[in-house]
N, C-alpha and C. Protein backbone atom coordinates (compact mmCIF):
# COMPACT_ATOMS: atom_id res chain seq x y z
N MET A 1 35.93 105.26 44.00
CA MET A 1 35.72 103.91 44.50
C MET A 1 37.06 103.30 44.90
N THR A 2 37.15 102.75 46.09
CA THR A 2 38.40 102.15 46.55
C THR A 2 38.40 100.66 46.28
N THR A 3 39.58 100.12 46.11
CA THR A 3 39.73 98.70 45.87
C THR A 3 39.86 97.99 47.21
N ALA A 4 39.06 96.96 47.39
CA ALA A 4 39.10 96.18 48.63
C ALA A 4 40.33 95.29 48.63
N LYS A 5 41.00 95.23 49.77
CA LYS A 5 42.14 94.34 49.91
C LYS A 5 41.63 92.93 50.18
N LYS A 6 42.36 91.97 49.69
CA LYS A 6 41.97 90.59 49.92
C LYS A 6 42.47 90.13 51.28
N TRP A 7 41.62 89.40 51.98
CA TRP A 7 41.98 88.94 53.32
C TRP A 7 43.18 88.02 53.28
N SER A 8 43.36 87.27 52.19
CA SER A 8 44.48 86.33 52.12
C SER A 8 45.82 87.07 52.08
N GLY A 9 45.85 88.22 51.45
CA GLY A 9 47.07 89.03 51.43
C GLY A 9 47.41 89.53 52.81
N GLU A 10 46.39 89.86 53.57
CA GLU A 10 46.60 90.29 54.95
C GLU A 10 47.18 89.15 55.79
N VAL A 11 46.70 87.94 55.56
CA VAL A 11 47.19 86.80 56.34
C VAL A 11 48.67 86.56 56.07
N THR A 12 49.07 86.62 54.80
CA THR A 12 50.48 86.33 54.51
C THR A 12 51.40 87.44 54.99
N THR A 13 50.90 88.65 55.10
CA THR A 13 51.76 89.73 55.58
C THR A 13 51.63 89.98 57.08
N HIS A 14 50.48 89.64 57.66
CA HIS A 14 50.26 89.90 59.08
C HIS A 14 49.73 88.67 59.81
N SER A 15 50.31 87.53 59.54
CA SER A 15 49.88 86.30 60.18
C SER A 15 49.99 86.42 61.69
N ASN A 16 48.98 85.92 62.39
CA ASN A 16 49.03 85.93 63.84
C ASN A 16 49.90 84.80 64.38
N ALA A 17 50.28 83.88 63.52
CA ALA A 17 51.07 82.73 63.98
C ALA A 17 52.55 82.88 63.68
N LEU A 18 52.88 83.46 62.53
CA LEU A 18 54.28 83.55 62.12
C LEU A 18 54.62 84.96 61.66
N ASP A 19 55.80 85.40 62.01
CA ASP A 19 56.34 86.65 61.48
C ASP A 19 57.20 86.27 60.28
N LEU A 20 56.68 86.54 59.10
CA LEU A 20 57.36 86.12 57.88
C LEU A 20 58.35 87.18 57.40
N GLU A 21 59.44 86.70 56.83
CA GLU A 21 60.41 87.57 56.19
C GLU A 21 59.74 88.21 54.97
N LYS A 22 59.97 89.49 54.76
CA LYS A 22 59.33 90.20 53.65
C LYS A 22 59.67 89.54 52.31
N ASP A 23 58.65 89.31 51.50
CA ASP A 23 58.77 88.73 50.16
C ASP A 23 59.47 87.38 50.13
N VAL A 24 59.38 86.63 51.20
CA VAL A 24 60.08 85.33 51.26
C VAL A 24 59.61 84.39 50.15
N PHE A 25 58.33 84.42 49.82
CA PHE A 25 57.82 83.50 48.80
C PHE A 25 58.23 83.91 47.39
N LYS A 26 58.68 85.12 47.22
CA LYS A 26 59.07 85.61 45.90
C LYS A 26 60.57 85.45 45.64
N SER A 27 61.29 84.87 46.55
CA SER A 27 62.75 84.78 46.42
C SER A 27 63.18 83.86 45.28
N GLY A 28 62.35 82.86 44.95
CA GLY A 28 62.72 81.92 43.89
C GLY A 28 63.69 80.84 44.33
N ASP A 29 64.03 80.82 45.61
CA ASP A 29 64.99 79.85 46.14
C ASP A 29 64.29 78.97 47.18
N PRO A 30 64.03 77.69 46.85
CA PRO A 30 63.32 76.81 47.78
C PRO A 30 64.05 76.63 49.11
N ASP A 31 65.38 76.63 49.09
CA ASP A 31 66.14 76.50 50.34
C ASP A 31 65.91 77.70 51.24
N LYS A 32 65.91 78.88 50.65
CA LYS A 32 65.72 80.11 51.43
C LYS A 32 64.29 80.17 51.99
N ILE A 33 63.31 79.80 51.17
CA ILE A 33 61.92 79.81 51.62
C ILE A 33 61.75 78.86 52.80
N ALA A 34 62.24 77.63 52.66
CA ALA A 34 62.10 76.63 53.71
C ALA A 34 62.82 77.06 54.99
N ALA A 35 64.04 77.55 54.86
CA ALA A 35 64.80 77.98 56.04
C ALA A 35 64.12 79.15 56.75
N SER A 36 63.59 80.08 55.97
CA SER A 36 62.92 81.23 56.56
C SER A 36 61.65 80.81 57.29
N LEU A 37 60.86 79.93 56.67
CA LEU A 37 59.64 79.46 57.32
C LEU A 37 59.96 78.68 58.59
N LYS A 38 60.99 77.86 58.54
CA LYS A 38 61.39 77.09 59.72
C LYS A 38 61.79 78.03 60.85
N HIS A 39 62.60 79.02 60.53
CA HIS A 39 63.04 79.98 61.54
C HIS A 39 61.84 80.73 62.13
N SER A 40 60.94 81.19 61.26
CA SER A 40 59.75 81.92 61.73
C SER A 40 58.89 81.05 62.63
N ALA A 41 58.68 79.81 62.23
CA ALA A 41 57.82 78.91 63.01
C ALA A 41 58.44 78.57 64.36
N GLU A 42 59.74 78.33 64.37
CA GLU A 42 60.40 77.96 65.63
C GLU A 42 60.51 79.13 66.60
N SER A 43 60.61 80.33 66.07
CA SER A 43 60.76 81.49 66.97
C SER A 43 59.43 82.13 67.36
N SER A 44 58.34 81.67 66.79
CA SER A 44 57.04 82.23 67.11
C SER A 44 56.52 81.68 68.44
N ASN A 45 55.98 82.57 69.25
CA ASN A 45 55.35 82.11 70.49
C ASN A 45 53.83 82.25 70.39
N ARG A 46 53.33 82.50 69.18
CA ARG A 46 51.89 82.67 68.97
C ARG A 46 51.27 81.53 68.18
N ARG A 47 52.07 80.62 67.68
CA ARG A 47 51.51 79.54 66.87
C ARG A 47 50.73 78.57 67.75
N LYS A 48 49.78 77.87 67.12
CA LYS A 48 48.91 76.97 67.87
C LYS A 48 49.26 75.50 67.68
N SER A 49 50.16 75.21 66.75
CA SER A 49 50.55 73.81 66.54
C SER A 49 52.07 73.73 66.49
N SER A 50 52.59 72.58 66.09
CA SER A 50 54.04 72.39 66.05
C SER A 50 54.68 73.33 65.02
N PRO A 51 55.96 73.63 65.18
CA PRO A 51 56.63 74.49 64.19
C PRO A 51 56.53 73.94 62.77
N TYR A 52 56.66 72.62 62.63
CA TYR A 52 56.57 72.02 61.30
C TYR A 52 55.20 72.26 60.68
N ARG A 53 54.16 71.98 61.43
CA ARG A 53 52.80 72.15 60.91
C ARG A 53 52.51 73.62 60.60
N SER A 54 52.97 74.53 61.44
CA SER A 54 52.74 75.95 61.19
C SER A 54 53.44 76.41 59.92
N ALA A 55 54.69 76.00 59.75
CA ALA A 55 55.46 76.39 58.56
C ALA A 55 54.84 75.80 57.29
N MET A 56 54.50 74.52 57.34
CA MET A 56 53.92 73.87 56.16
C MET A 56 52.54 74.45 55.85
N SER A 57 51.78 74.77 56.86
CA SER A 57 50.47 75.37 56.65
C SER A 57 50.58 76.73 55.96
N MET A 58 51.53 77.53 56.37
CA MET A 58 51.69 78.84 55.76
C MET A 58 52.14 78.70 54.31
N LEU A 59 53.01 77.77 54.03
CA LEU A 59 53.47 77.55 52.66
C LEU A 59 52.32 77.06 51.78
N THR A 60 51.56 76.12 52.28
CA THR A 60 50.42 75.59 51.54
C THR A 60 49.35 76.67 51.34
N PHE A 61 49.11 77.45 52.38
CA PHE A 61 48.15 78.55 52.29
C PHE A 61 48.56 79.52 51.18
N TYR A 62 49.82 79.91 51.18
CA TYR A 62 50.29 80.84 50.15
C TYR A 62 50.12 80.23 48.76
N GLU A 63 50.50 78.99 48.61
CA GLU A 63 50.40 78.33 47.31
C GLU A 63 48.94 78.26 46.84
N ASN A 64 48.03 77.94 47.74
CA ASN A 64 46.62 77.84 47.38
C ASN A 64 46.01 79.20 47.06
N ARG A 65 46.37 80.21 47.82
CA ARG A 65 45.79 81.54 47.61
C ARG A 65 46.36 82.20 46.36
N ALA A 66 47.61 81.99 46.07
CA ALA A 66 48.24 82.61 44.91
C ALA A 66 48.00 81.80 43.64
N GLY A 67 47.56 80.57 43.81
CA GLY A 67 47.37 79.57 42.77
C GLY A 67 47.28 80.02 41.33
N LYS A 68 46.21 80.69 40.95
CA LYS A 68 46.01 81.07 39.56
C LYS A 68 47.04 82.06 39.05
N ASN A 69 47.63 82.81 39.95
CA ASN A 69 48.58 83.85 39.54
C ASN A 69 50.03 83.36 39.49
N LEU A 70 50.26 82.11 39.85
CA LEU A 70 51.61 81.56 39.82
C LEU A 70 51.87 80.88 38.49
N ASP A 71 53.03 81.12 37.93
CA ASP A 71 53.37 80.38 36.71
C ASP A 71 54.00 79.04 37.13
N HIS A 72 54.24 78.20 36.14
CA HIS A 72 54.73 76.84 36.40
C HIS A 72 56.02 76.83 37.22
N SER A 73 56.96 77.70 36.88
CA SER A 73 58.24 77.71 37.60
C SER A 73 58.07 78.15 39.05
N GLU A 74 57.16 79.06 39.31
CA GLU A 74 56.91 79.49 40.70
C GLU A 74 56.28 78.36 41.51
N LYS A 75 55.37 77.61 40.88
CA LYS A 75 54.76 76.47 41.56
C LYS A 75 55.81 75.41 41.88
N GLU A 76 56.73 75.19 40.94
CA GLU A 76 57.81 74.23 41.16
C GLU A 76 58.67 74.63 42.35
N VAL A 77 59.00 75.92 42.45
CA VAL A 77 59.80 76.41 43.57
C VAL A 77 59.09 76.14 44.88
N LEU A 78 57.79 76.40 44.95
CA LEU A 78 57.04 76.17 46.18
C LEU A 78 56.95 74.68 46.53
N GLU A 79 56.80 73.84 45.53
CA GLU A 79 56.78 72.39 45.78
C GLU A 79 58.14 71.91 46.29
N LYS A 80 59.22 72.44 45.71
CA LYS A 80 60.56 72.08 46.18
C LYS A 80 60.76 72.59 47.61
N ALA A 81 60.22 73.77 47.91
CA ALA A 81 60.33 74.32 49.27
C ALA A 81 59.63 73.42 50.28
N LYS A 82 58.52 72.81 49.87
CA LYS A 82 57.83 71.85 50.76
C LYS A 82 58.74 70.67 51.07
N GLY A 83 59.41 70.15 50.05
CA GLY A 83 60.34 69.04 50.26
C GLY A 83 61.50 69.45 51.17
N LYS A 84 62.04 70.64 50.96
CA LYS A 84 63.13 71.14 51.79
C LYS A 84 62.67 71.32 53.23
N LEU A 85 61.45 71.81 53.41
CA LEU A 85 60.91 72.00 54.75
C LEU A 85 60.77 70.66 55.46
N ARG A 86 60.31 69.65 54.74
CA ARG A 86 60.23 68.30 55.33
C ARG A 86 61.61 67.83 55.76
N GLU A 87 62.61 68.04 54.91
CA GLU A 87 63.99 67.65 55.25
C GLU A 87 64.49 68.37 56.49
N LEU A 88 64.27 69.68 56.53
CA LEU A 88 64.76 70.48 57.67
C LEU A 88 64.15 70.03 59.00
N PHE A 89 62.91 69.55 58.94
CA PHE A 89 62.24 69.09 60.15
C PHE A 89 62.37 67.58 60.37
N GLY A 90 63.12 66.91 59.49
CA GLY A 90 63.31 65.47 59.62
C GLY A 90 62.04 64.67 59.35
N LYS A 91 61.22 65.16 58.44
CA LYS A 91 59.95 64.50 58.13
C LYS A 91 59.97 63.83 56.77
N THR A 92 61.14 63.48 56.27
CA THR A 92 61.23 62.85 54.95
C THR A 92 60.65 61.44 55.03
N PRO A 93 59.97 61.02 53.96
CA PRO A 93 59.40 59.66 53.94
C PRO A 93 60.49 58.60 53.98
N LYS A 94 60.17 57.49 54.60
CA LYS A 94 61.16 56.41 54.74
C LYS A 94 60.88 55.31 53.77
């Protein structure tokens, strides 16, 4: 019996919108995650929305799909990466 792959894993590794750096979400560095997502979103010619929305969507998607398997410190890193991504795109609240 073979194990079925989850579609969400396929999306994060073979997204049609962004070419992601390998293991970017596992780096543990919110600055690196945000910078990598920004670069991927800006250089993609397949995305359907703005670079900011594409990058934030991929980050949120990963966080939601990995949810139960993330420990507290990993969730904190992803939340900090969201803040860094907002800063990089000039979307910080006023």
